[in-house]
């Protein structure tokens, strides 16, 4: 089942990889916040939205260069963190800091 129907039709590919990762980061932040608030259902939904966006990003032909491998590894580590044994020993702060950088850069590029 596709969650982001308007983005699945190719609109997602119009975004730069920085914008894609910034948007993914918003859902990861929501997943973390909902989990910390004790709402596992909302956390899981936000995480599933993020995974779908990551999969769109991986499928984006323009990302097949340098950014593609990082996105694949990021997906693996996020799944490990939210649904696995956290063998990479990541934390909420690590993920929030990682995605904050993309949000910051996207804001600079938008002139905000």
C-alpha atoms as a PDB file:
ATOM      1  CA  UNK A   1       0.000   0.000   0.000  1.00  0.00           C
ATOM      2  CA  UNK A   2       1.359   3.397  -0.968  1.00  0.00           C
ATOM      3  CA  UNK A   3       1.081   6.063   1.730  1.00  0.00           C
ATOM      4  CA  UNK A   4       2.331   9.088  -0.232  1.00  0.00           C
ATOM      5  CA  UNK A   5       0.190   8.750  -3.342  1.00  0.00           C
ATOM      6  CA  UNK A   6       0.985  12.181  -4.823  1.00  0.00           C
ATOM      7  CA  UNK A   7       4.713  11.678  -4.339  1.00  0.00           C
ATOM      8  CA  UNK A   8       4.694   8.155  -5.770  1.00  0.00           C
ATOM      9  CA  UNK A   9       3.712   9.436  -9.219  1.00  0.00           C
ATOM     10  CA  UNK A  10       7.134  11.029  -9.712  1.00  0.00           C
ATOM     11  CA  UNK A  11       6.751  14.287  -7.820  1.00  0.00           C
ATOM     12  CA  UNK A  12       9.285  13.030  -5.268  1.00  0.00           C
ATOM     13  CA  UNK A  13      11.914  12.927  -8.005  1.00  0.00           C
ATOM     14  CA  UNK A  14      11.534  16.688  -8.482  1.00  0.00           C
ATOM     15  CA  UNK A  15      13.111  17.275  -5.062  1.00  0.00           C
ATOM     16  CA  UNK A  16      16.870  17.420  -4.598  1.00  0.00           C
ATOM     17  CA  UNK A  17      18.408  14.697  -2.457  1.00  0.00           C
ATOM     18  CA  UNK A  18      18.836  17.289   0.311  1.00  0.00           C
ATOM     19  CA  UNK A  19      15.107  18.064   0.203  1.00  0.00           C
ATOM     20  CA  UNK A  20      14.280  14.367   0.116  1.00  0.00           C
ATOM     21  CA  UNK A  21      16.403  13.651   3.189  1.00  0.00           C
ATOM     22  CA  UNK A  22      15.005  16.703   4.986  1.00  0.00           C
ATOM     23  CA  UNK A  23      11.482  15.381   4.451  1.00  0.00           C
ATOM     24  CA  UNK A  24      12.480  11.897   5.568  1.00  0.00           C
ATOM     25  CA  UNK A  25      13.997  13.471   8.666  1.00  0.00           C
ATOM     26  CA  UNK A  26      10.683  15.086   9.583  1.00  0.00           C
ATOM     27  CA  UNK A  27       9.003  11.686   9.739  1.00  0.00           C
ATOM     28  CA  UNK A  28      11.936  10.178  11.639  1.00  0.00           C
ATOM     29  CA  UNK A  29      11.695  13.010  14.160  1.00  0.00           C
ATOM     30  CA  UNK A  30       7.947  12.351  14.497  1.00  0.00           C
ATOM     31  CA  UNK A  31       8.612   8.637  15.007  1.00  0.00           C
ATOM     32  CA  UNK A  32      11.107   9.419  17.766  1.00  0.00           C
ATOM     33  CA  UNK A  33       8.840  11.947  19.475  1.00  0.00           C
ATOM     34  CA  UNK A  34       5.785   9.683  19.361  1.00  0.00           C
ATOM     35  CA  UNK A  35       7.798   6.740  20.690  1.00  0.00           C
ATOM     36  CA  UNK A  36       9.154   8.863  23.546  1.00  0.00           C
ATOM     37  CA  UNK A  37       5.604  10.002  24.312  1.00  0.00           C
ATOM     38  CA  UNK A  38       4.558   6.363  24.577  1.00  0.00           C
ATOM     39  CA  UNK A  39       2.410   6.305  21.439  1.00  0.00           C
ATOM     40  CA  UNK A  40       3.860   3.315  19.627  1.00  0.00           C
ATOM     41  CA  UNK A  41       1.100   3.254  16.993  1.00  0.00           C
ATOM     42  CA  UNK A  42       1.797   6.823  15.852  1.00  0.00           C
ATOM     43  CA  UNK A  43       5.541   6.198  16.046  1.00  0.00           C
ATOM     44  CA  UNK A  44       5.239   3.128  13.836  1.00  0.00           C
ATOM     45  CA  UNK A  45       3.099   5.034  11.317  1.00  0.00           C
ATOM     46  CA  UNK A  46       5.653   7.861  11.104  1.00  0.00           C
ATOM     47  CA  UNK A  47       8.467   5.345  10.688  1.00  0.00           C
ATOM     48  CA  UNK A  48       6.581   3.560   7.900  1.00  0.00           C
ATOM     49  CA  UNK A  49       6.064   6.893   6.124  1.00  0.00           C
ATOM     50  CA  UNK A  50       9.793   7.572   6.420  1.00  0.00           C
ATOM     51  CA  UNK A  51      10.651   4.145   5.006  1.00  0.00           C
ATOM     52  CA  UNK A  52       8.408   4.755   2.012  1.00  0.00           C
ATOM     53  CA  UNK A  53      10.124   8.087   1.352  1.00  0.00           C
ATOM     54  CA  UNK A  54      13.520   6.413   1.687  1.00  0.00           C
ATOM     55  CA  UNK A  55      12.446   3.793  -0.854  1.00  0.00           C
ATOM     56  CA  UNK A  56      11.313   6.563  -3.239  1.00  0.00           C
ATOM     57  CA  UNK A  57      14.721   8.218  -2.746  1.00  0.00           C
ATOM     58  CA  UNK A  58      16.552   4.979  -3.499  1.00  0.00           C
ATOM     59  CA  UNK A  59      14.448   4.566  -6.660  1.00  0.00           C
ATOM     60  CA  UNK A  60      15.205   8.115  -7.842  1.00  0.00           C
ATOM     61  CA  UNK A  61      17.517   7.809 -10.883  1.00  0.00           C
ATOM     62  CA  UNK A  62      19.403  11.022 -10.082  1.00  0.00           C
ATOM     63  CA  UNK A  63      20.547   9.562  -6.763  1.00  0.00           C
ATOM     64  CA  UNK A  64      22.323   6.564  -8.295  1.00  0.00           C
ATOM     65  CA  UNK A  65      25.640   8.362  -7.931  1.00  0.00           C
ATOM     66  CA  UNK A  66      27.219   9.185  -4.590  1.00  0.00           C
ATOM     67  CA  UNK A  67      24.093   9.700  -2.483  1.00  0.00           C
ATOM     68  CA  UNK A  68      22.446   6.386  -3.240  1.00  0.00           C
ATOM     69  CA  UNK A  69      24.732   4.219  -1.119  1.00  0.00           C
ATOM     70  CA  UNK A  70      24.383   6.491   1.893  1.00  0.00           C
ATOM     71  CA  UNK A  71      20.594   6.371   1.658  1.00  0.00           C
ATOM     72  CA  UNK A  72      20.636   2.559   1.477  1.00  0.00           C
ATOM     73  CA  UNK A  73      22.884   2.366   4.537  1.00  0.00           C
ATOM     74  CA  UNK A  74      20.776   4.936   6.371  1.00  0.00           C
ATOM     75  CA  UNK A  75      17.676   2.826   5.714  1.00  0.00           C
ATOM     76  CA  UNK A  76      19.422  -0.258   7.067  1.00  0.00           C
ATOM     77  CA  UNK A  77      20.525   1.542  10.235  1.00  0.00           C
ATOM     78  CA  UNK A  78      17.070   3.093  10.784  1.00  0.00           C
ATOM     79  CA  UNK A  79      15.363  -0.290  10.479  1.00  0.00           C
ATOM     80  CA  UNK A  80      17.901  -1.665  12.940  1.00  0.00           C
ATOM     81  CA  UNK A  81      17.195   1.218  15.334  1.00  0.00           C
ATOM     82  CA  UNK A  82      13.404   1.178  15.196  1.00  0.00           C
ATOM     83  CA  UNK A  83      12.685  -2.504  14.561  1.00  0.00           C
ATOM     84  CA  UNK A  84      15.891  -4.438  15.187  1.00  0.00           C
ATOM     85  CA  UNK A  85      18.464  -4.917  17.911  1.00  0.00           C
ATOM     86  CA  UNK A  86      20.228  -1.568  17.368  1.00  0.00           C
ATOM     87  CA  UNK A  87      23.513  -3.270  16.516  1.00  0.00           C
ATOM     88  CA  UNK A  88      24.791   0.067  15.185  1.00  0.00           C
ATOM     89  CA  UNK A  89      24.221   1.634  18.618  1.00  0.00           C
ATOM     90  CA  UNK A  90      22.459   4.706  17.280  1.00  0.00           C
ATOM     91  CA  UNK A  91      20.382   7.024  19.451  1.00  0.00           C
ATOM     92  CA  UNK A  92      17.534   9.489  19.078  1.00  0.00           C
ATOM     93  CA  UNK A  93      20.055  12.320  19.168  1.00  0.00           C
ATOM     94  CA  UNK A  94      22.236  10.803  16.458  1.00  0.00           C
ATOM     95  CA  UNK A  95      19.242  10.532  14.119  1.00  0.00           C
ATOM     96  CA  UNK A  96      17.896  13.973  14.969  1.00  0.00           C
ATOM     97  CA  UNK A  97      21.327  15.556  14.444  1.00  0.00           C
ATOM     98  CA  UNK A  98      21.861  13.665  11.178  1.00  0.00           C
ATOM     99  CA  UNK A  99      18.575  14.793   9.645  1.00  0.00           C
ATOM    100  CA  UNK A 100      18.765  18.303  11.122  1.00  0.00           C
ATOM    101  CA  UNK A 101      21.691  19.004   8.826  1.00  0.00           C
ATOM    102  CA  UNK A 102      19.588  18.268   5.739  1.00  0.00           C
ATOM    103  CA  UNK A 103      16.750  20.437   7.035  1.00  0.00           C
ATOM    104  CA  UNK A 104      19.200  23.252   7.712  1.00  0.00           C
ATOM    105  CA  UNK A 105      20.759  23.019   4.256  1.00  0.00           C
ATOM    106  CA  UNK A 106      17.349  22.843   2.569  1.00  0.00           C
ATOM    107  CA  UNK A 107      16.271  25.974   4.461  1.00  0.00           C
ATOM    108  CA  UNK A 108      19.431  27.808   3.394  1.00  0.00           C
ATOM    109  CA  UNK A 109      18.804  26.841  -0.218  1.00  0.00           C
ATOM    110  CA  UNK A 110      15.228  28.150   0.047  1.00  0.00           C
ATOM    111  CA  UNK A 111      16.612  31.395   1.473  1.00  0.00           C
ATOM    112  CA  UNK A 112      15.069  30.976   4.928  1.00  0.00           C
END
